[in-house]
Amino acid sequence: NGEVISADSRLVYKGFDIASAKPDMEEREG
């Protein structure tokens, strides 16, 4: 029953999606 807090210095940036392997909404599985 948890929620995830990212600890990645590039995931904070808007638009840095593919290169940072940022999980999209589908990958986050709700």
PDB file of all heavy atoms in Angstrom:
ATOM      1  N   ASN A   1       0.836  -1.198   0.000  1.00  0.00           N
ATOM      2  CA  ASN A   1       0.000   0.000   0.000  1.00  0.00           C
ATOM      3  C   ASN A   1       0.873   1.251   0.000  1.00  0.00           C
ATOM      4  O   ASN A   1       0.756   2.137   0.849  1.00  0.00           O
ATOM      5  CB  ASN A   1      -0.939   0.011   1.219  1.00  0.00           C
ATOM      6  CG  ASN A   1      -1.948   1.144   1.172  1.00  0.00           C
ATOM      7  OD1 ASN A   1      -2.368   1.572   0.096  1.00  0.00           O
ATOM      8  ND2 ASN A   1      -2.335   1.640   2.338  1.00  0.00           N
ATOM      9  N   GLY A   2       1.764   1.309  -0.988  1.00  0.00           N
ATOM     10  CA  GLY A   2       2.739   2.380  -1.004  1.00  0.00           C
ATOM     11  C   GLY A   2       2.606   3.336  -2.171  1.00  0.00           C
ATOM     12  O   GLY A   2       1.818   3.132  -3.098  1.00  0.00           O
ATOM     13  N   GLU A   3       3.384   4.411  -2.101  1.00  0.00           N
ATOM     14  CA  GLU A   3       3.535   5.358  -3.194  1.00  0.00           C
ATOM     15  C   GLU A   3       5.023   5.577  -3.417  1.00  0.00           C
ATOM     16  O   GLU A   3       5.821   5.485  -2.476  1.00  0.00           O
ATOM     17  CB  GLU A   3       2.828   6.680  -2.872  1.00  0.00           C
ATOM     18  CG  GLU A   3       1.321   6.533  -2.722  1.00  0.00           C
ATOM     19  CD  GLU A   3       0.615   7.862  -2.490  1.00  0.00           C
ATOM     20  OE1 GLU A   3       1.271   8.928  -2.604  1.00  0.00           O
ATOM     21  OE2 GLU A   3      -0.602   7.838  -2.197  1.00  0.00           O
ATOM     22  N   VAL A   4       5.390   5.884  -4.646  1.00  0.00           N
ATOM     23  CA  VAL A   4       6.794   5.972  -5.018  1.00  0.00           C
ATOM     24  C   VAL A   4       7.253   7.431  -5.050  1.00  0.00           C
ATOM     25  O   VAL A   4       6.563   8.299  -5.587  1.00  0.00           O
ATOM     26  CB  VAL A   4       7.035   5.318  -6.394  1.00  0.00           C
ATOM     27  CG1 VAL A   4       8.487   5.502  -6.843  1.00  0.00           C
ATOM     28  CG2 VAL A   4       6.672   3.832  -6.348  1.00  0.00           C
ATOM     29  N   ILE A   5       8.423   7.663  -4.473  1.00  0.00           N
ATOM     30  CA  ILE A   5       9.084   8.966  -4.556  1.00  0.00           C
ATOM     31  C   ILE A   5      10.351   8.764  -5.379  1.00  0.00           C
ATOM     32  O   ILE A   5      11.230   7.991  -5.003  1.00  0.00           O
ATOM     33  CB  ILE A   5       9.453   9.507  -3.165  1.00  0.00           C
ATOM     34  CG1 ILE A   5       8.206   9.664  -2.299  1.00  0.00           C
ATOM     35  CG2 ILE A   5      10.190  10.841  -3.282  1.00  0.00           C
ATOM     36  CD1 ILE A   5       8.505   9.978  -0.845  1.00  0.00           C
ATOM     37  N   SER A   6      10.444   9.434  -6.504  1.00  0.00           N
ATOM     38  CA  SER A   6      11.617   9.289  -7.364  1.00  0.00           C
ATOM     39  C   SER A   6      12.847   9.899  -6.705  1.00  0.00           C
ATOM     40  O   SER A   6      12.783  10.954  -6.079  1.00  0.00           O
ATOM     41  CB  SER A   6      11.370   9.971  -8.712  1.00  0.00           C
ATOM     42  OG  SER A   6      12.569  10.042  -9.462  1.00  0.00           O
ATOM     43  N   ALA A   7      13.979   9.204  -6.869  1.00  0.00           N
ATOM     44  CA  ALA A   7      15.277   9.725  -6.420  1.00  0.00           C
ATOM     45  C   ALA A   7      16.210   9.715  -7.620  1.00  0.00           C
ATOM     46  O   ALA A   7      17.239   9.044  -7.624  1.00  0.00           O
ATOM     47  CB  ALA A   7      15.838   8.887  -5.274  1.00  0.00           C
ATOM     48  N   ASP A   8      15.815  10.451  -8.631  1.00  0.00           N
ATOM     49  CA  ASP A   8      16.583  10.525  -9.865  1.00  0.00           C
ATOM     50  C   ASP A   8      16.718  11.988 -10.263  1.00  0.00           C
ATOM     51  O   ASP A   8      15.720  12.695 -10.414  1.00  0.00           O
ATOM     52  CB  ASP A   8      15.883   9.736 -10.973  1.00  0.00           C
ATOM     53  CG  ASP A   8      16.729   9.621 -12.225  1.00  0.00           C
ATOM     54  OD1 ASP A   8      16.974  10.665 -12.870  1.00  0.00           O
ATOM     55  OD2 ASP A   8      17.135   8.505 -12.576  1.00  0.00           O
ATOM     56  N   SER A   9      17.941  12.428 -10.465  1.00  0.00           N
ATOM     57  CA  SER A   9      18.195  13.844 -10.712  1.00  0.00           C
ATOM     58  C   SER A   9      17.716  14.328 -12.067  1.00  0.00           C
ATOM     59  O   SER A   9      17.694  15.542 -12.314  1.00  0.00           O
ATOM     60  CB  SER A   9      19.696  14.140 -10.584  1.00  0.00           C
ATOM     61  OG  SER A   9      20.424  13.446 -11.575  1.00  0.00           O
ATOM     62  N   ARG A  10      17.320  13.430 -12.957  1.00  0.00           N
ATOM     63  CA  ARG A  10      16.829  13.848 -14.269  1.00  0.00           C
ATOM     64  C   ARG A  10      15.320  13.704 -14.417  1.00  0.00           C
ATOM     65  O   ARG A  10      14.701  14.373 -15.242  1.00  0.00           O
ATOM     66  CB  ARG A  10      17.538  13.059 -15.383  1.00  0.00           C
ATOM     67  CG  ARG A  10      18.997  13.547 -15.613  1.00  0.00           C
ATOM     68  CD  ARG A  10      18.981  15.000 -15.989  1.00  0.00           C
ATOM     69  NE  ARG A  10      20.296  15.593 -16.214  1.00  0.00           N
ATOM     70  CZ  ARG A  10      20.939  16.341 -15.334  1.00  0.00           C
ATOM     71  NH1 ARG A  10      20.431  16.531 -14.138  1.00  0.00           N
ATOM     72  NH2 ARG A  10      22.096  16.897 -15.622  1.00  0.00           N
ATOM     73  N   LEU A  11      14.701  12.864 -13.621  1.00  0.00           N
ATOM     74  CA  LEU A  11      13.248  12.696 -13.727  1.00  0.00           C
ATOM     75  C   LEU A  11      12.490  13.924 -13.250  1.00  0.00           C
ATOM     76  O   LEU A  11      11.308  14.084 -13.569  1.00  0.00           O
ATOM     77  CB  LEU A  11      12.785  11.471 -12.935  1.00  0.00           C
ATOM     78  CG  LEU A  11      13.270  10.102 -13.398  1.00  0.00           C
ATOM     79  CD1 LEU A  11      12.458   9.001 -12.715  1.00  0.00           C
ATOM     80  CD2 LEU A  11      13.188   9.939 -14.911  1.00  0.00           C
ATOM     81  N   VAL A  12      13.159  14.807 -12.512  1.00  0.00           N
ATOM     82  CA  VAL A  12      12.466  16.020 -12.051  1.00  0.00           C
ATOM     83  C   VAL A  12      12.153  16.957 -13.207  1.00  0.00           C
ATOM     84  O   VAL A  12      11.238  17.784 -13.112  1.00  0.00           O
ATOM     85  CB  VAL A  12      13.307  16.785 -11.000  1.00  0.00           C
ATOM     86  CG1 VAL A  12      13.529  15.922  -9.766  1.00  0.00           C
ATOM     87  CG2 VAL A  12      14.623  17.273 -11.575  1.00  0.00           C
ATOM     88  N   TYR A  13      12.871  16.827 -14.335  1.00  0.00           N
ATOM     89  CA  TYR A  13      12.747  17.800 -15.419  1.00  0.00           C
ATOM     90  C   TYR A  13      11.657  17.429 -16.423  1.00  0.00           C
ATOM     91  O   TYR A  13      11.623  16.312 -16.945  1.00  0.00           O
ATOM     92  CB  TYR A  13      14.086  17.952 -16.138  1.00  0.00           C
ATOM     93  CG  TYR A  13      15.141  18.595 -15.272  1.00  0.00           C
ATOM     94  CD1 TYR A  13      16.301  17.913 -14.926  1.00  0.00           C
ATOM     95  CD2 TYR A  13      14.960  19.886 -14.770  1.00  0.00           C
ATOM     96  CE1 TYR A  13      17.268  18.491 -14.118  1.00  0.00           C
ATOM     97  CE2 TYR A  13      15.907  20.475 -13.954  1.00  0.00           C
ATOM     98  CZ  TYR A  13      17.060  19.773 -13.624  1.00  0.00           C
ATOM     99  OH  TYR A  13      17.998  20.355 -12.813  1.00  0.00           O
ATOM    100  N   LYS A  14      10.810  18.387 -16.699  1.00  0.00           N
ATOM    101  CA  LYS A  14       9.739  18.210 -17.674  1.00  0.00           C
ATOM    102  C   LYS A  14      10.338  18.029 -19.072  1.00  0.00           C
ATOM    103  O   LYS A  14      11.211  18.807 -19.475  1.00  0.00           O
ATOM    104  CB  LYS A  14       8.798  19.416 -17.658  1.00  0.00           C
ATOM    105  CG  LYS A  14       8.102  19.629 -16.326  1.00  0.00           C
ATOM    106  CD  LYS A  14       7.252  20.898 -16.341  1.00  0.00           C
ATOM    107  CE  LYS A  14       6.587  21.125 -14.996  1.00  0.00           C
ATOM    108  NZ  LYS A  14       5.777  22.370 -14.969  1.00  0.00           N
ATOM    109  N   GLY A  15       9.875  17.020 -19.779  1.00  0.00           N
ATOM    110  CA  GLY A  15      10.333  16.798 -21.151  1.00  0.00           C
ATOM    111  C   GLY A  15      11.514  15.860 -21.273  1.00  0.00           C
ATOM    112  O   GLY A  15      11.791  15.359 -22.358  1.00  0.00           O
ATOM    113  N   PHE A  16      12.223  15.617 -20.180  1.00  0.00           N
ATOM    114  CA  PHE A  16      13.338  14.662 -20.202  1.00  0.00           C
ATOM    115  C   PHE A  16      12.747  13.268 -20.000  1.00  0.00           C
ATOM    116  O   PHE A  16      12.818  12.696 -18.920  1.00  0.00           O
ATOM    117  CB  PHE A  16      14.345  14.979 -19.095  1.00  0.00           C
ATOM    118  CG  PHE A  16      15.236  16.148 -19.368  1.00  0.00           C
ATOM    119  CD1 PHE A  16      14.880  17.136 -20.275  1.00  0.00           C
ATOM    120  CD2 PHE A  16      16.440  16.284 -18.713  1.00  0.00           C
ATOM    121  CE1 PHE A  16      15.709  18.231 -20.524  1.00  0.00           C
ATOM    122  CE2 PHE A  16      17.276  17.364 -18.947  1.00  0.00           C
ATOM    123  CZ  PHE A  16      16.912  18.347 -19.847  1.00  0.00           C
ATOM    124  N   ASP A  17      12.179  12.714 -21.036  1.00  0.00           N
ATOM    125  CA  ASP A  17      11.386  11.495 -20.910  1.00  0.00           C
ATOM    126  C   ASP A  17      12.136  10.230 -21.334  1.00  0.00           C
ATOM    127  O   ASP A  17      12.398   9.350 -20.523  1.00  0.00           O
ATOM    128  CB  ASP A  17      10.100  11.632 -21.718  1.00  0.00           C
ATOM    129  CG  ASP A  17       9.229  12.788 -21.233  1.00  0.00           C
ATOM    130  OD1 ASP A  17       9.348  13.169 -20.057  1.00  0.00           O
ATOM    131  OD2 ASP A  17       8.444  13.318 -22.042  1.00  0.00           O
ATOM    132  N   ILE A  18      12.479  10.161 -22.609  1.00  0.00           N
ATOM    133  CA  ILE A  18      13.056   8.913 -23.135  1.00  0.00           C
ATOM    134  C   ILE A  18      14.477   8.706 -22.626  1.00  0.00           C
ATOM    135  O   ILE A  18      14.829   7.607 -22.165  1.00  0.00           O
ATOM    136  CB  ILE A  18      13.013   8.914 -24.670  1.00  0.00           C
ATOM    137  CG1 ILE A  18      11.551   8.968 -25.146  1.00  0.00           C
ATOM    138  CG2 ILE A  18      13.702   7.675 -25.229  1.00  0.00           C
ATOM    139  CD1 ILE A  18      11.397   9.115 -26.655  1.00  0.00           C
ATOM    140  N   ALA A  19      15.311   9.726 -22.697  1.00  0.00           N
ATOM    141  CA  ALA A  19      16.712   9.572 -22.284  1.00  0.00           C
ATOM    142  C   ALA A  19      16.843   9.218 -20.812  1.00  0.00           C
ATOM    143  O   ALA A  19      17.794   8.547 -20.412  1.00  0.00           O
ATOM    144  CB  ALA A  19      17.500  10.839 -22.596  1.00  0.00           C
ATOM    145  N   SER A  20      15.905   9.673 -19.993  1.00  0.00           N
ATOM    146  CA  SER A  20      15.962   9.396 -18.556  1.00  0.00           C
ATOM    147  C   SER A  20      15.228   8.113 -18.176  1.00  0.00           C
ATOM    148  O   SER A  20      15.205   7.750 -16.996  1.00  0.00           O
ATOM    149  CB  SER A  20      15.361  10.567 -17.774  1.00  0.00           C
ATOM    150  OG  SER A  20      13.962  10.645 -17.997  1.00  0.00           O
ATOM    151  N   ALA A  21      14.633   7.445 -19.168  1.00  0.00           N
ATOM    152  CA  ALA A  21      13.823   6.240 -18.913  1.00  0.00           C
ATOM    153  C   ALA A  21      12.702   6.540 -17.915  1.00  0.00           C
ATOM    154  O   ALA A  21      12.379   5.736 -17.046  1.00  0.00           O
ATOM    155  CB  ALA A  21      14.694   5.088 -18.422  1.00  0.00           C
ATOM    156  N   LYS A  22      12.112   7.715 -18.067  1.00  0.00           N
ATOM    157  CA  LYS A  22      11.026   8.122 -17.178  1.00  0.00           C
ATOM    158  C   LYS A  22       9.811   7.212 -17.399  1.00  0.00           C
ATOM    159  O   LYS A  22       9.359   7.047 -18.530  1.00  0.00           O
ATOM    160  CB  LYS A  22      10.646   9.569 -17.475  1.00  0.00           C
ATOM    161  CG  LYS A  22       9.587  10.168 -16.563  1.00  0.00           C
ATOM    162  CD  LYS A  22       9.275  11.598 -16.986  1.00  0.00           C
ATOM    163  CE  LYS A  22      10.488  12.503 -16.782  1.00  0.00           C
ATOM    164  NZ  LYS A  22      10.239  13.882 -17.276  1.00  0.00           N
ATOM    165  N   PRO A  23       9.280   6.594 -16.346  1.00  0.00           N
ATOM    166  CA  PRO A  23       8.109   5.719 -16.530  1.00  0.00           C
ATOM    167  C   PRO A  23       6.876   6.527 -16.912  1.00  0.00           C
ATOM    168  O   PRO A  23       6.549   7.530 -16.272  1.00  0.00           O
ATOM    169  CB  PRO A  23       7.937   5.059 -15.160  1.00  0.00           C
ATOM    170  CG  PRO A  23       8.563   6.026 -14.192  1.00  0.00           C
ATOM    171  CD  PRO A  23       9.704   6.669 -14.936  1.00  0.00           C
ATOM    172  N   ASP A  24       6.193   6.103 -17.980  1.00  0.00           N
ATOM    173  CA  ASP A  24       4.965   6.799 -18.373  1.00  0.00           C
ATOM    174  C   ASP A  24       3.814   6.319 -17.496  1.00  0.00           C
ATOM    175  O   ASP A  24       3.983   5.453 -16.623  1.00  0.00           O
ATOM    176  CB  ASP A  24       4.675   6.598 -19.857  1.00  0.00           C
ATOM    177  CG  ASP A  24       4.507   5.131 -20.245  1.00  0.00           C
ATOM    178  OD1 ASP A  24       4.128   4.306 -19.384  1.00  0.00           O
ATOM    179  OD2 ASP A  24       4.765   4.791 -21.422  1.00  0.00           O
ATOM    180  N   MET A  25       2.624   6.867 -17.706  1.00  0.00           N
ATOM    181  CA  MET A  25       1.492   6.552 -16.837  1.00  0.00           C
ATOM    182  C   MET A  25       1.122   5.074 -16.900  1.00  0.00           C
ATOM    183  O   MET A  25       0.737   4.475 -15.890  1.00  0.00           O
ATOM    184  CB  MET A  25       0.288   7.424 -17.218  1.00  0.00           C
ATOM    185  CG  MET A  25       0.535   8.918 -17.053  1.00  0.00           C
ATOM    186  SD  MET A  25       1.182   9.381 -15.406  1.00  0.00           S
ATOM    187  CE  MET A  25      -0.204   8.925 -14.371  1.00  0.00           C
ATOM    188  N   GLU A  26       1.269   4.474 -18.074  1.00  0.00           N
ATOM    189  CA  GLU A  26       0.961   3.045 -18.191  1.00  0.00           C
ATOM    190  C   GLU A  26       1.949   2.213 -17.376  1.00  0.00           C
ATOM    191  O   GLU A  26       1.555   1.267 -16.677  1.00  0.00           O
ATOM    192  CB  GLU A  26       1.004   2.618 -19.660  1.00  0.00           C
ATOM    193  CG  GLU A  26       0.655   1.155 -19.877  1.00  0.00           C
ATOM    194  CD  GLU A  26       0.663   0.768 -21.343  1.00  0.00           C
ATOM    195  OE1 GLU A  26       0.813   1.659 -22.201  1.00  0.00           O
ATOM    196  OE2 GLU A  26       0.527  -0.435 -21.635  1.00  0.00           O
ATOM    197  N   GLU A  27       3.211   2.574 -17.455  1.00  0.00           N
ATOM    198  CA  GLU A  27       4.241   1.829 -16.717  1.00  0.00           C
ATOM    199  C   GLU A  27       4.090   1.989 -15.211  1.00  0.00           C
ATOM    200  O   GLU A  27       4.490   1.106 -14.437  1.00  0.00           O
ATOM    201  CB  GLU A  27       5.630   2.291 -17.149  1.00  0.00           C
ATOM    202  CG  GLU A  27       6.005   1.892 -18.571  1.00  0.00           C
ATOM    203  CD  GLU A  27       7.289   2.558 -19.037  1.00  0.00           C
ATOM    204  OE1 GLU A  27       7.419   3.796 -18.895  1.00  0.00           O
ATOM    205  OE2 GLU A  27       8.159   1.822 -19.542  1.00  0.00           O
ATOM    206  N   ARG A  28       3.511   3.089 -14.773  1.00  0.00           N
ATOM    207  CA  ARG A  28       3.346   3.317 -13.331  1.00  0.00           C
ATOM    208  C   ARG A  28       2.213   2.468 -12.751  1.00  0.00           C
ATOM    209  O   ARG A  28       2.080   2.356 -11.532  1.00  0.00           O
ATOM    210  CB  ARG A  28       3.091   4.806 -13.058  1.00  0.00           C
ATOM    211  CG  ARG A  28       4.247   5.690 -13.479  1.00  0.00           C
ATOM    212  CD  ARG A  28       3.966   7.170 -13.241  1.00  0.00           C
ATOM    213  NE  ARG A  28       4.795   8.016 -14.100  1.00  0.00           N
ATOM    214  CZ  ARG A  28       4.776   9.323 -14.116  1.00  0.00           C
ATOM    215  NH1 ARG A  28       3.960   9.985 -13.298  1.00  0.00           N
ATOM    216  NH2 ARG A  28       5.558  10.007 -14.942  1.00  0.00           N
ATOM    217  N   GLU A  29       1.394   1.899 -13.598  1.00  0.00           N
ATOM    218  CA  GLU A  29       0.348   0.931 -13.204  1.00  0.00           C
ATOM    219  C   GLU A  29      -0.564   1.472 -12.099  1.00  0.00           C
ATOM    220  O   GLU A  29      -0.974   0.751 -11.186  1.00  0.00           O
ATOM    221  CB  GLU A  29       0.987  -0.384 -12.754  1.00  0.00           C
ATOM    222  CG  GLU A  29       1.790  -1.069 -13.863  1.00  0.00           C
ATOM    223  CD  GLU A  29       2.337  -2.407 -13.434  1.00  0.00           C
ATOM    224  OE1 GLU A  29       1.663  -3.093 -12.630  1.00  0.00           O
ATOM    225  OE2 GLU A  29       3.432  -2.777 -13.915  1.00  0.00           O
ATOM    226  N   GLY A  30      -0.882   2.750 -12.177  1.00  0.00           N
ATOM    227  CA  GLY A  30      -1.808   3.338 -11.218  1.00  0.00           C
ATOM    228  C   GLY A  30      -1.196   3.726  -9.888  1.00  0.00           C
ATOM    229  O   GLY A  30      -1.901   4.253  -9.015  1.00  0.00           O
TER     230      GLY A  30
END
